[in-house]
Amino acid sequence: MTPLLLSGSAPTRARFSFEVFPARSGAAALALGHAVQHLSAAGPDFISVTYGANGSNRDASLDLLRYLREHTEALPLAHLTTVGEDRDEVLRTIHAAMDAGVHDFLALRGDPPRGSSEDNPAVVGSLSSRELVELIAEARAERPPLTSVGRTAVAAYPNGHPLTRSRAEDIDWLIAKQEAGAQFAVTQLFFRAEEYLSFVADAEAAGLRIPVLPGLMPVSTSAQLRKVASLAGRPAPAALERALEESGGYAPELGVEHTVALARELLEGGAPSIHLYTFNRHEQVLAVLRELELLTPDPVEA
């Protein structure tokens, strides 16, 4: 598998990155600020910030990106979605992020807003993720030299995108995004190493050259496990589901144990890095990294 390239062209050892989302209340913002300090101190390759459909979290996302840029050592990566927004609105969002010192992006079309559907004209007319990759490149080209740097990531779907009909179609679309300028991909959640490993092997056989980061989330509760299963489009591991239920529905250590085992298998199979969905908490993802011996010593004293 292709090694992940970071801030240059030399391949590196297995690394890690995180995803967070904007807080929805004052109390949640305080907790997120605490978590982000711990996550940043761990030395990730980047911390990505989600962006709601139809720009629903645009301002909050930009505020969090600015916080990362100004108050941590972490490299921020901005999610971008296009659903429900026209090209000029998306371009303004890209420039706003660049003005805040953020130059790395994850290009997504995004899901329709709640209450909408795929056949809504506003959704049908949205830029695709491939077109968004091209638009980001155009925005960078408009910037002065030395301020137009940055990487563009895209999404990959080991278990298939809901709107595609086959793995071959998913892979063809991923390669099309690569040809448009994407430099790496991050996967949707999954539970079994073979789902990722076989997808990447098939994609590389078809011409994929960019690194694919496996996206993992150490769940804490039965409710989180059900949500992840829904996102993954696959049943949750029966043993993990049963163990969480027997623990009263809350057992963070079980989610950590499952994620550690999965990450080890992925890294041994050639994954270049792991991307950890944090659910805006630092404890579990840092526990995973400690078990993998990717985080020594503890970055921030409790």
C-alpha atoms as a PDB file:
ATOM      1  CA  MET A   1       0.000   0.000   0.000  1.00  0.00           C
ATOM      2  CA  THR A   2       1.117   3.552  -0.671  1.00  0.00           C
ATOM      3  CA  PRO A   3       2.686   5.249   2.390  1.00  0.00           C
ATOM      4  CA  LEU A   4       1.117   8.480   3.654  1.00  0.00           C
ATOM      5  CA  LEU A   5       3.143  11.549   2.752  1.00  0.00           C
ATOM      6  CA  LEU A   6       3.208  14.369   5.271  1.00  0.00           C
ATOM      7  CA  SER A   7       4.612  17.866   4.818  1.00  0.00           C
ATOM      8  CA  GLY A   8       7.026  16.799   2.143  1.00  0.00           C
ATOM      9  CA  SER A   9       7.740  13.698   0.137  1.00  0.00           C
ATOM     10  CA  ALA A  10       9.393  11.261   2.547  1.00  0.00           C
ATOM     11  CA  PRO A  11       7.351   8.272   3.714  1.00  0.00           C
ATOM     12  CA  THR A  12       6.829   8.051   7.465  1.00  0.00           C
ATOM     13  CA  ARG A  13       6.039   5.343   9.982  1.00  0.00           C
ATOM     14  CA  ALA A  14       2.459   4.579  10.929  1.00  0.00           C
ATOM     15  CA  ARG A  15       0.826   7.698  12.310  1.00  0.00           C
ATOM     16  CA  PHE A  16      -2.575   8.953  13.407  1.00  0.00           C
ATOM     17  CA  SER A  17      -5.055  11.797  13.047  1.00  0.00           C
ATOM     18  CA  PHE A  18      -8.339  12.821  14.666  1.00  0.00           C
ATOM     19  CA  GLU A  19     -11.791  14.130  13.775  1.00  0.00           C
ATOM     20  CA  VAL A  20     -13.847  16.513  15.921  1.00  0.00           C
ATOM     21  CA  PHE A  21     -17.080  18.406  15.329  1.00  0.00           C
ATOM     22  CA  PRO A  22     -18.256  21.880  16.442  1.00  0.00           C
ATOM     23  CA  ALA A  23     -19.823  22.091  19.877  1.00  0.00           C
ATOM     24  CA  ARG A  24     -23.564  22.747  20.079  1.00  0.00           C
ATOM     25  CA  SER A  25     -23.670  24.466  23.492  1.00  0.00           C
ATOM     26  CA  GLY A  26     -21.512  26.537  25.792  1.00  0.00           C
ATOM     27  CA  ALA A  27     -20.838  23.611  28.119  1.00  0.00           C
ATOM     28  CA  ALA A  28     -19.978  21.375  25.184  1.00  0.00           C
ATOM     29  CA  ALA A  29     -17.594  24.042  23.881  1.00  0.00           C
ATOM     30  CA  LEU A  30     -15.694  24.073  27.175  1.00  0.00           C
ATOM     31  CA  ALA A  31     -15.412  20.287  27.142  1.00  0.00           C
ATOM     32  CA  LEU A  32     -14.312  20.326  23.506  1.00  0.00           C
ATOM     33  CA  GLY A  33     -11.610  22.904  24.227  1.00  0.00           C
ATOM     34  CA  HIS A  34     -10.243  20.635  26.954  1.00  0.00           C
ATOM     35  CA  ALA A  35     -10.348  17.602  24.655  1.00  0.00           C
ATOM     36  CA  VAL A  36      -8.698  19.462  21.775  1.00  0.00           C
ATOM     37  CA  GLN A  37      -5.755  20.445  23.966  1.00  0.00           C
ATOM     38  CA  HIS A  38      -5.146  16.782  24.826  1.00  0.00           C
ATOM     39  CA  LEU A  39      -5.605  15.686  21.212  1.00  0.00           C
ATOM     40  CA  SER A  40      -3.245  18.359  19.917  1.00  0.00           C
ATOM     41  CA  ALA A  41      -0.580  17.493  22.484  1.00  0.00           C
ATOM     42  CA  ALA A  42      -0.565  13.910  21.188  1.00  0.00           C
ATOM     43  CA  GLY A  43       1.078  15.159  17.992  1.00  0.00           C
ATOM     44  CA  PRO A  44      -1.420  14.069  15.314  1.00  0.00           C
ATOM     45  CA  ASP A  45      -0.776  14.536  11.633  1.00  0.00           C
ATOM     46  CA  PHE A  46      -3.907  16.687  11.566  1.00  0.00           C
ATOM     47  CA  ILE A  47      -7.241  17.287  13.301  1.00  0.00           C
ATOM     48  CA  SER A  48     -10.205  17.482  10.939  1.00  0.00           C
ATOM     49  CA  VAL A  49     -13.330  19.524  11.685  1.00  0.00           C
ATOM     50  CA  THR A  50     -16.719  18.488  10.304  1.00  0.00           C
ATOM     51  CA  TYR A  51     -19.060  20.754   8.371  1.00  0.00           C
ATOM     52  CA  GLY A  52     -22.829  20.280   8.343  1.00  0.00           C
ATOM     53  CA  ALA A  53     -25.005  19.711   5.311  1.00  0.00           C
ATOM     54  CA  ASN A  54     -26.165  22.916   3.620  1.00  0.00           C
ATOM     55  CA  GLY A  55     -23.543  24.851   5.566  1.00  0.00           C
ATOM     56  CA  SER A  56     -25.508  24.323   8.788  1.00  0.00           C
ATOM     57  CA  ASN A  57     -22.377  24.507  10.978  1.00  0.00           C
ATOM     58  CA  ARG A  58     -20.338  26.830   8.771  1.00  0.00           C
ATOM     59  CA  ASP A  59     -19.594  29.530  11.347  1.00  0.00           C
ATOM     60  CA  ALA A  60     -19.054  27.083  14.208  1.00  0.00           C
ATOM     61  CA  SER A  61     -16.728  24.990  12.042  1.00  0.00           C
ATOM     62  CA  LEU A  62     -14.685  28.029  11.077  1.00  0.00           C
ATOM     63  CA  ASP A  63     -14.457  29.138  14.721  1.00  0.00           C
ATOM     64  CA  LEU A  64     -13.140  25.718  15.722  1.00  0.00           C
ATOM     65  CA  LEU A  65     -10.644  25.706  12.859  1.00  0.00           C
ATOM     66  CA  ARG A  66      -9.405  29.125  13.980  1.00  0.00           C
ATOM     67  CA  TYR A  67      -9.078  27.844  17.549  1.00  0.00           C
ATOM     68  CA  LEU A  68      -6.958  24.923  16.376  1.00  0.00           C
ATOM     69  CA  ARG A  69      -4.842  27.237  14.245  1.00  0.00           C
ATOM     70  CA  GLU A  70      -4.304  29.863  16.938  1.00  0.00           C
ATOM     71  CA  HIS A  71      -4.235  27.905  20.205  1.00  0.00           C
ATOM     72  CA  THR A  72      -2.769  24.483  19.396  1.00  0.00           C
ATOM     73  CA  GLU A  73       0.148  22.983  17.509  1.00  0.00           C
ATOM     74  CA  ALA A  74      -2.170  20.726  15.475  1.00  0.00           C
ATOM     75  CA  LEU A  75      -2.640  21.120  11.742  1.00  0.00           C
ATOM     76  CA  PRO A  76      -6.356  21.789  11.094  1.00  0.00           C
ATOM     77  CA  LEU A  77      -8.133  20.171   8.151  1.00  0.00           C
ATOM     78  CA  ALA A  78     -11.498  21.603   7.131  1.00  0.00           C
ATOM     79  CA  HIS A  79     -14.363  19.434   5.929  1.00  0.00           C
ATOM     80  CA  LEU A  80     -16.269  20.981   3.043  1.00  0.00           C
ATOM     81  CA  THR A  81     -19.662  19.942   1.691  1.00  0.00           C
ATOM     82  CA  THR A  82     -21.540  21.221  -1.332  1.00  0.00           C
ATOM     83  CA  VAL A  83     -25.128  20.000  -0.899  1.00  0.00           C
ATOM     84  CA  GLY A  84     -27.598  22.871  -1.059  1.00  0.00           C
ATOM     85  CA  GLU A  85     -24.946  25.504  -1.788  1.00  0.00           C
ATOM     86  CA  ASP A  86     -24.049  27.019  -5.120  1.00  0.00           C
ATOM     87  CA  ARG A  87     -20.527  27.216  -6.480  1.00  0.00           C
ATOM     88  CA  ASP A  88     -19.922  30.796  -5.359  1.00  0.00           C
ATOM     89  CA  GLU A  89     -21.027  30.039  -1.790  1.00  0.00           C
ATOM     90  CA  VAL A  90     -18.679  27.079  -1.618  1.00  0.00           C
ATOM     91  CA  LEU A  91     -15.828  29.175  -3.020  1.00  0.00           C
ATOM     92  CA  ARG A  92     -16.447  31.849  -0.388  1.00  0.00           C
ATOM     93  CA  THR A  93     -16.243  29.187   2.306  1.00  0.00           C
ATOM     94  CA  ILE A  94     -12.938  27.930   0.916  1.00  0.00           C
ATOM     95  CA  HIS A  95     -11.494  31.442   0.884  1.00  0.00           C
ATOM     96  CA  ALA A  96     -12.737  32.118   4.426  1.00  0.00           C
ATOM     97  CA  ALA A  97     -10.877  29.040   5.646  1.00  0.00           C
ATOM     98  CA  MET A  98      -7.740  30.090   3.787  1.00  0.00           C
ATOM     99  CA  ASP A  99      -8.004  33.587   5.253  1.00  0.00           C
ATOM    100  CA  ALA A 100      -8.026  31.906   8.682  1.00  0.00           C
ATOM    101  CA  GLY A 101      -4.799  30.109   7.823  1.00  0.00           C
ATOM    102  CA  VAL A 102      -6.397  26.753   7.005  1.00  0.00           C
ATOM    103  CA  HIS A 103      -5.250  25.227   3.716  1.00  0.00           C
ATOM    104  CA  ASP A 104      -6.039  21.510   4.041  1.00  0.00           C
ATOM    105  CA  PHE A 105      -9.513  20.228   3.134  1.00  0.00           C
ATOM    106  CA  LEU A 106     -11.647  17.108   3.037  1.00  0.00           C
ATOM    107  CA  ALA A 107     -13.855  17.404  -0.038  1.00  0.00           C
ATOM    108  CA  LEU A 108     -17.340  15.885   0.350  1.00  0.00           C
ATOM    109  CA  ARG A 109     -20.605  16.313  -1.459  1.00  0.00           C
ATOM    110  CA  GLY A 110     -22.438  15.650   1.810  1.00  0.00           C
ATOM    111  CA  ASP A 111     -25.839  14.249   2.677  1.00  0.00           C
ATOM    112  CA  PRO A 112     -29.101  16.082   1.969  1.00  0.00           C
ATOM    113  CA  PRO A 113     -30.277  18.246   4.889  1.00  0.00           C
ATOM    114  CA  ARG A 114     -32.771  16.648   7.241  1.00  0.00           C
ATOM    115  CA  GLY A 115     -36.209  16.595   5.650  1.00  0.00           C
ATOM    116  CA  SER A 116     -34.777  16.767   2.135  1.00  0.00           C
ATOM    117  CA  SER A 117     -34.047  13.991  -0.376  1.00  0.00           C
ATOM    118  CA  GLU A 118     -31.721  13.099  -3.223  1.00  0.00           C
ATOM    119  CA  ASP A 119     -34.265  14.199  -5.839  1.00  0.00           C
ATOM    120  CA  ASN A 120     -34.556  17.698  -4.389  1.00  0.00           C
ATOM    121  CA  PRO A 121     -33.428  20.136  -7.148  1.00  0.00           C
ATOM    122  CA  ALA A 122     -31.052  21.869  -4.719  1.00  0.00           C
ATOM    123  CA  VAL A 123     -29.400  18.534  -4.007  1.00  0.00           C
ATOM    124  CA  VAL A 124     -29.323  17.368  -7.627  1.00  0.00           C
ATOM    125  CA  GLY A 125     -27.648  20.609  -8.699  1.00  0.00           C
ATOM    126  CA  SER A 126     -24.896  20.496  -6.064  1.00  0.00           C
ATOM    127  CA  LEU A 127     -21.244  20.160  -7.027  1.00  0.00           C
ATOM    128  CA  SER A 128     -19.928  16.621  -6.766  1.00  0.00           C
ATOM    129  CA  SER A 129     -16.983  15.789  -4.519  1.00  0.00           C
ATOM    130  CA  ARG A 130     -14.779  15.502  -7.622  1.00  0.00           C
ATOM    131  CA  GLU A 131     -15.855  18.977  -8.740  1.00  0.00           C
ATOM    132  CA  LEU A 132     -15.143  20.251  -5.228  1.00  0.00           C
ATOM    133  CA  VAL A 133     -11.583  18.879  -5.423  1.00  0.00           C
ATOM    134  CA  GLU A 134     -11.158  20.863  -8.640  1.00  0.00           C
ATOM    135  CA  LEU A 135     -12.678  24.000  -7.085  1.00  0.00           C
ATOM    136  CA  ILE A 136     -10.267  23.810  -4.131  1.00  0.00           C
ATOM    137  CA  ALA A 137      -7.379  23.626  -6.601  1.00  0.00           C
ATOM    138  CA  GLU A 138      -8.758  26.696  -8.403  1.00  0.00           C
ATOM    139  CA  ALA A 139      -9.014  28.585  -5.104  1.00  0.00           C
ATOM    140  CA  ARG A 140      -5.422  27.727  -4.244  1.00  0.00           C
ATOM    141  CA  ALA A 141      -4.265  28.889  -7.676  1.00  0.00           C
ATOM    142  CA  GLU A 142      -5.815  32.299  -6.994  1.00  0.00           C
ATOM    143  CA  ARG A 143      -3.657  32.739  -3.903  1.00  0.00           C
ATOM    144  CA  PRO A 144      -0.165  34.280  -3.909  1.00  0.00           C
ATOM    145  CA  PRO A 145       2.798  31.876  -4.049  1.00  0.00           C
ATOM    146  CA  LEU A 146       3.715  30.225  -0.722  1.00  0.00           C
ATOM    147  CA  THR A 147       0.175  30.738   0.613  1.00  0.00           C
ATOM    148  CA  SER A 148      -1.454  28.364  -1.845  1.00  0.00           C
ATOM    149  CA  VAL A 149      -0.060  25.167  -0.339  1.00  0.00           C
ATOM    150  CA  GLY A 150      -2.259  22.496   1.179  1.00  0.00           C
ATOM    151  CA  ARG A 151      -3.576  18.989   0.740  1.00  0.00           C
ATOM    152  CA  THR A 152      -6.986  17.797  -0.374  1.00  0.00           C
ATOM    153  CA  ALA A 153      -8.496  14.629   1.044  1.00  0.00           C
ATOM    154  CA  VAL A 154     -11.586  12.755  -0.094  1.00  0.00           C
ATOM    155  CA  ALA A 155     -13.815  10.059   1.350  1.00  0.00           C
ATOM    156  CA  ALA A 156     -13.585   6.334   0.611  1.00  0.00           C
ATOM    157  CA  TYR A 157     -16.241   3.717   1.326  1.00  0.00           C
ATOM    158  CA  PRO A 158     -14.942   0.173   1.988  1.00  0.00           C
ATOM    159  CA  ASN A 159     -18.492  -1.132   2.308  1.00  0.00           C
ATOM    160  CA  GLY A 160     -19.939   0.951  -0.492  1.00  0.00           C
ATOM    161  CA  HIS A 161     -21.538   4.377  -0.734  1.00  0.00           C
ATOM    162  CA  PRO A 162     -25.343   4.273  -0.344  1.00  0.00           C
ATOM    163  CA  LEU A 163     -25.799   5.741  -3.829  1.00  0.00           C
ATOM    164  CA  THR A 164     -23.432   3.433  -5.707  1.00  0.00           C
ATOM    165  CA  ARG A 165     -24.291   0.012  -7.098  1.00  0.00           C
ATOM    166  CA  SER A 166     -20.972  -1.835  -6.857  1.00  0.00           C
ATOM    167  CA  ARG A 167     -17.467  -1.799  -5.440  1.00  0.00           C
ATOM    168  CA  ALA A 168     -16.139  -1.202  -8.946  1.00  0.00           C
ATOM    169  CA  GLU A 169     -18.242   1.959  -9.176  1.00  0.00           C
ATOM    170  CA  ASP A 170     -16.955   3.159  -5.780  1.00  0.00           C
ATOM    171  CA  ILE A 171     -13.377   2.544  -6.852  1.00  0.00           C
ATOM    172  CA  ASP A 172     -13.835   4.254 -10.221  1.00  0.00           C
ATOM    173  CA  TRP A 173     -15.189   7.331  -8.445  1.00  0.00           C
ATOM    174  CA  LEU A 174     -12.324   7.332  -5.928  1.00  0.00           C
ATOM    175  CA  ILE A 175      -9.816   7.182  -8.779  1.00  0.00           C
ATOM    176  CA  ALA A 176     -11.657  10.018 -10.541  1.00  0.00           C
ATOM    177  CA  LYS A 177     -11.190  12.142  -7.405  1.00  0.00           C
ATOM    178  CA  GLN A 178      -7.521  11.184  -7.365  1.00  0.00           C
ATOM    179  CA  GLU A 179      -7.159  12.324 -10.973  1.00  0.00           C
ATOM    180  CA  ALA A 180      -8.893  15.603 -10.070  1.00  0.00           C
ATOM    181  CA  GLY A 181      -6.144  16.302  -7.522  1.00  0.00           C
ATOM    182  CA  ALA A 182      -6.946  14.505  -4.266  1.00  0.00           C
ATOM    183  CA  GLN A 183      -3.812  13.568  -2.319  1.00  0.00           C
ATOM    184  CA  PHE A 184      -5.255  11.060   0.156  1.00  0.00           C
ATOM    185  CA  ALA A 185      -8.513   9.478   1.242  1.00  0.00           C
ATOM    186  CA  VAL A 186     -10.161   8.776   4.600  1.00  0.00           C
ATOM    187  CA  THR A 187     -12.614   5.912   4.949  1.00  0.00           C
ATOM    188  CA  GLN A 188     -16.076   5.767   6.371  1.00  0.00           C
ATOM    189  CA  LEU A 189     -16.341   3.648   9.522  1.00  0.00           C
ATOM    190  CA  PHE A 190     -16.110  -0.127   9.345  1.00  0.00           C
ATOM    191  CA  PHE A 191     -15.661  -3.006  11.813  1.00  0.00           C
ATOM    192  CA  ARG A 192     -13.485  -5.646  10.144  1.00  0.00           C
ATOM    193  CA  ALA A 193      -9.956  -5.277   8.790  1.00  0.00           C
ATOM    194  CA  GLU A 194     -10.687  -7.320   5.678  1.00  0.00           C
ATOM    195  CA  GLU A 195     -13.308  -4.778   4.607  1.00  0.00           C
ATOM    196  CA  TYR A 196     -10.594  -2.117   4.362  1.00  0.00           C
ATOM    197  CA  LEU A 197      -7.725  -4.312   3.191  1.00  0.00           C
ATOM    198  CA  SER A 198      -9.656  -5.907   0.330  1.00  0.00           C
ATOM    199  CA  PHE A 199     -11.064  -2.546  -0.779  1.00  0.00           C
ATOM    200  CA  VAL A 200      -7.623  -0.935  -0.913  1.00  0.00           C
ATOM    201  CA  ALA A 201      -6.125  -3.933  -2.703  1.00  0.00           C
ATOM    202  CA  ASP A 202      -8.853  -3.813  -5.350  1.00  0.00           C
ATOM    203  CA  ALA A 203      -8.503  -0.033  -5.691  1.00  0.00           C
ATOM    204  CA  GLU A 204      -4.732  -0.203  -6.116  1.00  0.00           C
ATOM    205  CA  ALA A 205      -5.140  -2.932  -8.720  1.00  0.00           C
ATOM    206  CA  ALA A 206      -7.467  -0.565 -10.597  1.00  0.00           C
ATOM    207  CA  GLY A 207      -4.972   2.321 -10.491  1.00  0.00           C
ATOM    208  CA  LEU A 208      -5.326   4.047  -7.127  1.00  0.00           C
ATOM    209  CA  ARG A 209      -2.039   5.629  -6.017  1.00  0.00           C
ATOM    210  CA  ILE A 210      -3.036   7.853  -3.094  1.00  0.00           C
ATOM    211  CA  PRO A 211      -2.920   6.651   0.543  1.00  0.00           C
ATOM    212  CA  VAL A 212      -6.192   5.540   2.141  1.00  0.00           C
ATOM    213  CA  LEU A 213      -6.491   6.185   5.886  1.00  0.00           C
ATOM    214  CA  PRO A 214      -8.800   3.798   7.762  1.00  0.00           C
ATOM    215  CA  GLY A 215     -11.358   5.653   9.888  1.00  0.00           C
ATOM    216  CA  LEU A 216     -11.957   4.054  13.300  1.00  0.00           C
ATOM    217  CA  MET A 217     -14.057   4.965  16.323  1.00  0.00           C
ATOM    218  CA  PRO A 218     -13.740   3.417  19.799  1.00  0.00           C
ATOM    219  CA  VAL A 219     -17.369   3.363  20.900  1.00  0.00           C
ATOM    220  CA  SER A 220     -18.327   3.781  24.547  1.00  0.00           C
ATOM    221  CA  THR A 221     -21.992   2.839  24.517  1.00  0.00           C
ATOM    222  CA  SER A 222     -24.475   0.526  22.856  1.00  0.00           C
ATOM    223  CA  ALA A 223     -26.132   3.579  21.289  1.00  0.00           C
ATOM    224  CA  GLN A 224     -22.847   4.665  19.694  1.00  0.00           C
ATOM    225  CA  LEU A 225     -22.301   1.147  18.381  1.00  0.00           C
ATOM    226  CA  ARG A 226     -25.724   1.155  16.744  1.00  0.00           C
ATOM    227  CA  LYS A 227     -24.993   4.539  15.158  1.00  0.00           C
ATOM    228  CA  VAL A 228     -21.638   3.361  13.829  1.00  0.00           C
ATOM    229  CA  ALA A 229     -23.265   0.214  12.431  1.00  0.00           C
ATOM    230  CA  SER A 230     -25.793   2.387  10.622  1.00  0.00           C
ATOM    231  CA  LEU A 231     -23.034   4.561   9.148  1.00  0.00           C
ATOM    232  CA  ALA A 232     -20.943   1.548   8.195  1.00  0.00           C
ATOM    233  CA  GLY A 233     -23.882  -0.187   6.552  1.00  0.00           C
ATOM    234  CA  ARG A 234     -22.876  -3.429   8.236  1.00  0.00           C
ATOM    235  CA  PRO A 235     -24.009  -5.291  11.375  1.00  0.00           C
ATOM    236  CA  ALA A 236     -21.992  -4.536  14.494  1.00  0.00           C
ATOM    237  CA  PRO A 237     -19.705  -7.318  15.738  1.00  0.00           C
ATOM    238  CA  ALA A 238     -21.988  -9.598  17.747  1.00  0.00           C
ATOM    239  CA  ALA A 239     -19.456 -10.174  20.527  1.00  0.00           C
ATOM    240  CA  LEU A 240     -18.903  -6.448  21.061  1.00  0.00           C
ATOM    241  CA  GLU A 241     -22.626  -5.730  20.954  1.00  0.00           C
ATOM    242  CA  ARG A 242     -23.338  -8.475  23.501  1.00  0.00           C
ATOM    243  CA  ALA A 243     -20.494  -7.400  25.806  1.00  0.00           C
ATOM    244  CA  LEU A 244     -21.696  -3.790  25.824  1.00  0.00           C
ATOM    245  CA  GLU A 245     -25.242  -4.864  26.640  1.00  0.00           C
ATOM    246  CA  GLU A 246     -24.017  -7.098  29.461  1.00  0.00           C
ATOM    247  CA  SER A 247     -22.110  -4.110  30.864  1.00  0.00           C
ATOM    248  CA  GLY A 248     -25.265  -2.027  31.050  1.00  0.00           C
ATOM    249  CA  GLY A 249     -24.746  -0.273  27.718  1.00  0.00           C
ATOM    250  CA  TYR A 250     -21.673   1.694  28.812  1.00  0.00           C
ATOM    251  CA  ALA A 251     -18.155   0.256  28.691  1.00  0.00           C
ATOM    252  CA  PRO A 252     -15.533   2.480  27.016  1.00  0.00           C
ATOM    253  CA  GLU A 253     -12.819  -0.096  27.654  1.00  0.00           C
ATOM    254  CA  LEU A 254     -14.571  -2.555  25.346  1.00  0.00           C
ATOM    255  CA  GLY A 255     -14.614  -0.065  22.492  1.00  0.00           C
ATOM    256  CA  VAL A 256     -10.928   0.650  23.062  1.00  0.00           C
ATOM    257  CA  GLU A 257     -10.108  -3.065  23.065  1.00  0.00           C
ATOM    258  CA  HIS A 258     -11.946  -3.670  19.792  1.00  0.00           C
ATOM    259  CA  THR A 259     -10.359  -0.632  18.097  1.00  0.00           C
ATOM    260  CA  VAL A 260      -6.849  -1.591  19.226  1.00  0.00           C
ATOM    261  CA  ALA A 261      -7.231  -5.091  17.809  1.00  0.00           C
ATOM    262  CA  LEU A 262      -8.636  -3.724  14.542  1.00  0.00           C
ATOM    263  CA  ALA A 263      -5.911  -1.066  14.225  1.00  0.00           C
ATOM    264  CA  ARG A 264      -3.160  -3.617  14.806  1.00  0.00           C
ATOM    265  CA  GLU A 265      -4.514  -5.828  12.034  1.00  0.00           C
ATOM    266  CA  LEU A 266      -4.816  -2.846   9.697  1.00  0.00           C
ATOM    267  CA  LEU A 267      -1.306  -1.567  10.357  1.00  0.00           C
ATOM    268  CA  GLU A 268       0.149  -5.042   9.977  1.00  0.00           C
ATOM    269  CA  GLY A 269      -1.753  -5.293   6.688  1.00  0.00           C
ATOM    270  CA  GLY A 270      -0.136  -2.119   5.360  1.00  0.00           C
ATOM    271  CA  ALA A 271      -2.428   0.752   6.384  1.00  0.00           C
ATOM    272  CA  PRO A 272      -0.285   3.926   6.361  1.00  0.00           C
ATOM    273  CA  SER A 273      -1.973   5.593   9.321  1.00  0.00           C
ATOM    274  CA  ILE A 274      -5.162   5.523  11.386  1.00  0.00           C
ATOM    275  CA  HIS A 275      -7.792   8.238  11.550  1.00  0.00           C
ATOM    276  CA  LEU A 276      -9.733   8.265  14.818  1.00  0.00           C
ATOM    277  CA  TYR A 277     -13.255   9.625  15.109  1.00  0.00           C
ATOM    278  CA  THR A 278     -13.207  11.084  18.626  1.00  0.00           C
ATOM    279  CA  PHE A 279     -16.855  11.975  19.299  1.00  0.00           C
ATOM    280  CA  ASN A 280     -15.253  15.084  20.859  1.00  0.00           C
ATOM    281  CA  ARG A 281     -13.635  13.054  23.647  1.00  0.00           C
ATOM    282  CA  HIS A 282      -9.936  12.433  24.081  1.00  0.00           C
ATOM    283  CA  GLU A 283      -9.797   9.624  26.643  1.00  0.00           C
ATOM    284  CA  GLN A 284     -10.677   6.644  24.476  1.00  0.00           C
ATOM    285  CA  VAL A 285      -8.698   7.585  21.370  1.00  0.00           C
ATOM    286  CA  LEU A 286      -5.597   8.328  23.432  1.00  0.00           C
ATOM    287  CA  ALA A 287      -6.042   4.985  25.210  1.00  0.00           C
ATOM    288  CA  VAL A 288      -6.054   3.326  21.792  1.00  0.00           C
ATOM    289  CA  LEU A 289      -2.821   5.068  20.832  1.00  0.00           C
ATOM    290  CA  ARG A 290      -1.148   4.085  24.112  1.00  0.00           C
ATOM    291  CA  GLU A 291      -2.037   0.437  23.565  1.00  0.00           C
ATOM    292  CA  LEU A 292      -0.605   0.666  20.044  1.00  0.00           C
ATOM    293  CA  GLU A 293       2.554   2.258  21.484  1.00  0.00           C
ATOM    294  CA  LEU A 294       2.045   5.286  19.270  1.00  0.00           C
ATOM    295  CA  LEU A 295       1.662   7.606  22.228  1.00  0.00           C
ATOM    296  CA  THR A 296       4.432   7.552  24.801  1.00  0.00           C
ATOM    297  CA  PRO A 297       4.609   9.209  27.214  1.00  0.00           C
ATOM    298  CA  ASP A 298       1.174  10.684  27.925  1.00  0.00           C
ATOM    299  CA  PRO A 299       0.976  14.024  26.066  1.00  0.00           C
ATOM    300  CA  VAL A 300      -0.817  15.954  28.817  1.00  0.00           C
ATOM    301  CA  GLU A 301      -0.940  15.086  32.471  1.00  0.00           C
ATOM    302  CA  ALA A 302      -4.513  14.509  33.660  1.00  0.00           C
END
